[in-house]
Protein backbone atom coordinates (compact mmCIF):
# COMPACT_ATOMS: atom_id res chain seq x y z
CA UNK A 1 0.00 0.00 0.00
CA UNK A 2 1.41 3.37 -0.94
CA UNK A 3 0.44 6.80 0.30
CA UNK A 4 0.76 9.04 -2.76
CA UNK A 5 -0.97 12.33 -3.58
CA UNK A 6 -1.44 11.41 -7.24
CA UNK A 7 -4.23 9.25 -8.62
CA UNK A 8 -2.76 8.23 -11.96
CA UNK A 9 0.60 7.20 -13.37
CA UNK A 10 0.48 7.90 -17.08
CA UNK A 11 2.90 5.92 -19.26
CA UNK A 12 3.98 6.82 -22.80
CA UNK A 13 3.65 4.05 -25.38
CA UNK A 14 7.36 3.26 -25.43
CA UNK A 15 7.58 3.20 -21.59
CA UNK A 16 10.28 5.89 -21.86
CA UNK A 17 8.34 8.77 -20.30
CA UNK A 18 5.92 9.05 -17.41
CA UNK A 19 3.80 11.69 -15.73
CA UNK A 20 1.82 11.78 -12.50
CA UNK A 21 -1.74 13.06 -12.73
CA UNK A 22 -4.53 14.07 -10.39
CA UNK A 23 -8.22 13.76 -11.29
CA UNK A 24 -8.26 17.47 -12.13
CA UNK A 25 -5.32 17.26 -14.55
CA UNK A 26 -6.83 14.19 -16.24
CA UNK A 27 -10.10 16.09 -16.72
CA UNK A 28 -8.19 18.64 -18.85
CA UNK A 29 -7.18 15.89 -21.31
CA UNK A 30 -9.15 14.83 -24.38
CA UNK A 31 -10.11 11.17 -24.08
CA UNK A 32 -11.24 9.30 -27.19
CA UNK A 33 -9.36 6.45 -28.85
CA UNK A 34 -6.19 8.06 -27.43
CA UNK A 35 -5.79 10.36 -24.46
CA UNK A 36 -4.26 13.71 -25.44
CA UNK A 37 -3.24 16.11 -22.68
CA UNK A 38 -2.12 19.76 -22.73
CA UNK A 39 1.48 20.29 -23.77
CA UNK A 40 2.49 21.92 -20.48
CA UNK A 41 2.63 18.60 -18.61
CA UNK A 42 5.99 17.61 -17.12
CA UNK A 43 7.30 14.27 -18.35
CA UNK A 44 9.62 12.18 -16.19
CA UNK A 45 12.12 9.52 -17.28
CA UNK A 46 12.73 6.09 -15.78
CA UNK A 47 15.97 7.32 -14.20
CA UNK A 48 14.21 9.87 -11.99
CA UNK A 49 13.94 8.98 -8.32
CA UNK A 50 10.14 8.63 -8.06
CA UNK A 51 8.24 6.05 -6.01
CA UNK A 52 5.40 5.28 -8.44
CA UNK A 53 7.64 5.04 -11.50
CA UNK A 54 10.00 2.74 -9.59
CA UNK A 55 7.08 0.52 -8.52
CA UNK A 56 5.85 0.31 -12.11
CA UNK A 57 9.32 -0.58 -13.42
CA UNK A 58 10.23 -2.90 -10.53
CA UNK A 59 13.26 -0.82 -9.46
CA UNK A 60 13.40 -2.04 -5.88
CA UNK A 61 16.47 -0.02 -4.87
CA UNK A 62 14.56 3.22 -5.64
CA UNK A 63 11.34 1.87 -4.08
CA UNK A 64 13.09 1.20 -0.77
CA UNK A 65 14.54 4.73 -0.69
CA UNK A 66 11.65 6.82 -2.04
CA UNK A 67 8.32 5.16 -1.18
CA UNK A 68 6.42 5.80 2.03
CA UNK A 69 5.36 2.44 3.37
CA UNK A 70 2.58 1.39 5.69
CA UNK A 71 2.97 -1.98 7.40
CA UNK A 72 -0.35 -3.82 7.68
CA UNK A 73 -1.00 -6.73 10.01
CA UNK A 74 -1.70 -10.30 8.84
CA UNK A 75 -5.47 -9.92 8.96
CA UNK A 76 -5.50 -7.40 6.11
CA UNK A 77 -7.82 -8.49 3.30
CA UNK A 78 -6.69 -7.45 -0.20
CA UNK A 79 -8.98 -5.14 -2.12
CA UNK A 80 -9.39 -5.79 -5.80
C-alpha atoms as a PDB file:
ATOM      1  CA  UNK A   1       0.000   0.000   0.000  1.00  0.00           C
ATOM      2  CA  UNK A   2       1.413   3.374  -0.936  1.00  0.00           C
ATOM      3  CA  UNK A   3       0.440   6.802   0.297  1.00  0.00           C
ATOM      4  CA  UNK A   4       0.756   9.042  -2.761  1.00  0.00           C
ATOM      5  CA  UNK A   5      -0.966  12.331  -3.577  1.00  0.00           C
ATOM      6  CA  UNK A   6      -1.435  11.414  -7.242  1.00  0.00           C
ATOM      7  CA  UNK A   7      -4.227   9.247  -8.615  1.00  0.00           C
ATOM      8  CA  UNK A   8      -2.760   8.229 -11.964  1.00  0.00           C
ATOM      9  CA  UNK A   9       0.597   7.196 -13.365  1.00  0.00           C
ATOM     10  CA  UNK A  10       0.483   7.896 -17.084  1.00  0.00           C
ATOM     11  CA  UNK A  11       2.899   5.918 -19.257  1.00  0.00           C
ATOM     12  CA  UNK A  12       3.977   6.818 -22.795  1.00  0.00           C
ATOM     13  CA  UNK A  13       3.648   4.054 -25.377  1.00  0.00           C
ATOM     14  CA  UNK A  14       7.359   3.260 -25.429  1.00  0.00           C
ATOM     15  CA  UNK A  15       7.584   3.202 -21.594  1.00  0.00           C
ATOM     16  CA  UNK A  16      10.275   5.890 -21.864  1.00  0.00           C
ATOM     17  CA  UNK A  17       8.343   8.774 -20.299  1.00  0.00           C
ATOM     18  CA  UNK A  18       5.917   9.048 -17.411  1.00  0.00           C
ATOM     19  CA  UNK A  19       3.805  11.693 -15.728  1.00  0.00           C
ATOM     20  CA  UNK A  20       1.820  11.777 -12.501  1.00  0.00           C
ATOM     21  CA  UNK A  21      -1.742  13.057 -12.734  1.00  0.00           C
ATOM     22  CA  UNK A  22      -4.531  14.065 -10.392  1.00  0.00           C
ATOM     23  CA  UNK A  23      -8.224  13.761 -11.293  1.00  0.00           C
ATOM     24  CA  UNK A  24      -8.256  17.474 -12.127  1.00  0.00           C
ATOM     25  CA  UNK A  25      -5.321  17.257 -14.550  1.00  0.00           C
ATOM     26  CA  UNK A  26      -6.831  14.190 -16.238  1.00  0.00           C
ATOM     27  CA  UNK A  27     -10.097  16.088 -16.717  1.00  0.00           C
ATOM     28  CA  UNK A  28      -8.188  18.639 -18.848  1.00  0.00           C
ATOM     29  CA  UNK A  29      -7.178  15.889 -21.312  1.00  0.00           C
ATOM     30  CA  UNK A  30      -9.154  14.831 -24.382  1.00  0.00           C
ATOM     31  CA  UNK A  31     -10.111  11.169 -24.079  1.00  0.00           C
ATOM     32  CA  UNK A  32     -11.239   9.299 -27.188  1.00  0.00           C
ATOM     33  CA  UNK A  33      -9.356   6.455 -28.849  1.00  0.00           C
ATOM     34  CA  UNK A  34      -6.188   8.059 -27.431  1.00  0.00           C
ATOM     35  CA  UNK A  35      -5.787  10.358 -24.464  1.00  0.00           C
ATOM     36  CA  UNK A  36      -4.258  13.706 -25.443  1.00  0.00           C
ATOM     37  CA  UNK A  37      -3.239  16.110 -22.678  1.00  0.00           C
ATOM     38  CA  UNK A  38      -2.122  19.756 -22.731  1.00  0.00           C
ATOM     39  CA  UNK A  39       1.482  20.293 -23.774  1.00  0.00           C
ATOM     40  CA  UNK A  40       2.493  21.916 -20.482  1.00  0.00           C
ATOM     41  CA  UNK A  41       2.630  18.602 -18.609  1.00  0.00           C
ATOM     42  CA  UNK A  42       5.986  17.615 -17.120  1.00  0.00           C
ATOM     43  CA  UNK A  43       7.300  14.268 -18.350  1.00  0.00           C
ATOM     44  CA  UNK A  44       9.623  12.183 -16.193  1.00  0.00           C
ATOM     45  CA  UNK A  45      12.116   9.521 -17.277  1.00  0.00           C
ATOM     46  CA  UNK A  46      12.726   6.089 -15.783  1.00  0.00           C
ATOM     47  CA  UNK A  47      15.971   7.324 -14.204  1.00  0.00           C
ATOM     48  CA  UNK A  48      14.209   9.868 -11.988  1.00  0.00           C
ATOM     49  CA  UNK A  49      13.937   8.976  -8.317  1.00  0.00           C
ATOM     50  CA  UNK A  50      10.140   8.629  -8.059  1.00  0.00           C
ATOM     51  CA  UNK A  51       8.238   6.046  -6.012  1.00  0.00           C
ATOM     52  CA  UNK A  52       5.397   5.279  -8.441  1.00  0.00           C
ATOM     53  CA  UNK A  53       7.641   5.041 -11.497  1.00  0.00           C
ATOM     54  CA  UNK A  54      10.000   2.744  -9.591  1.00  0.00           C
ATOM     55  CA  UNK A  55       7.081   0.518  -8.518  1.00  0.00           C
ATOM     56  CA  UNK A  56       5.852   0.306 -12.113  1.00  0.00           C
ATOM     57  CA  UNK A  57       9.320  -0.580 -13.421  1.00  0.00           C
ATOM     58  CA  UNK A  58      10.228  -2.897 -10.530  1.00  0.00           C
ATOM     59  CA  UNK A  59      13.262  -0.824  -9.465  1.00  0.00           C
ATOM     60  CA  UNK A  60      13.399  -2.036  -5.877  1.00  0.00           C
ATOM     61  CA  UNK A  61      16.474  -0.019  -4.875  1.00  0.00           C
ATOM     62  CA  UNK A  62      14.563   3.218  -5.636  1.00  0.00           C
ATOM     63  CA  UNK A  63      11.342   1.872  -4.078  1.00  0.00           C
ATOM     64  CA  UNK A  64      13.089   1.202  -0.768  1.00  0.00           C
ATOM     65  CA  UNK A  65      14.540   4.732  -0.689  1.00  0.00           C
ATOM     66  CA  UNK A  66      11.650   6.824  -2.040  1.00  0.00           C
ATOM     67  CA  UNK A  67       8.321   5.158  -1.175  1.00  0.00           C
ATOM     68  CA  UNK A  68       6.421   5.799   2.032  1.00  0.00           C
ATOM     69  CA  UNK A  69       5.357   2.437   3.370  1.00  0.00           C
ATOM     70  CA  UNK A  70       2.581   1.387   5.693  1.00  0.00           C
ATOM     71  CA  UNK A  71       2.972  -1.982   7.404  1.00  0.00           C
ATOM     72  CA  UNK A  72      -0.347  -3.824   7.676  1.00  0.00           C
ATOM     73  CA  UNK A  73      -0.995  -6.731  10.008  1.00  0.00           C
ATOM     74  CA  UNK A  74      -1.700 -10.302   8.839  1.00  0.00           C
ATOM     75  CA  UNK A  75      -5.474  -9.917   8.961  1.00  0.00           C
ATOM     76  CA  UNK A  76      -5.499  -7.396   6.110  1.00  0.00           C
ATOM     77  CA  UNK A  77      -7.818  -8.490   3.296  1.00  0.00           C
ATOM     78  CA  UNK A  78      -6.686  -7.453  -0.204  1.00  0.00           C
ATOM     79  CA  UNK A  79      -8.976  -5.139  -2.125  1.00  0.00           C
ATOM     80  CA  UNK A  80      -9.386  -5.793  -5.803  1.00  0.00           C
END
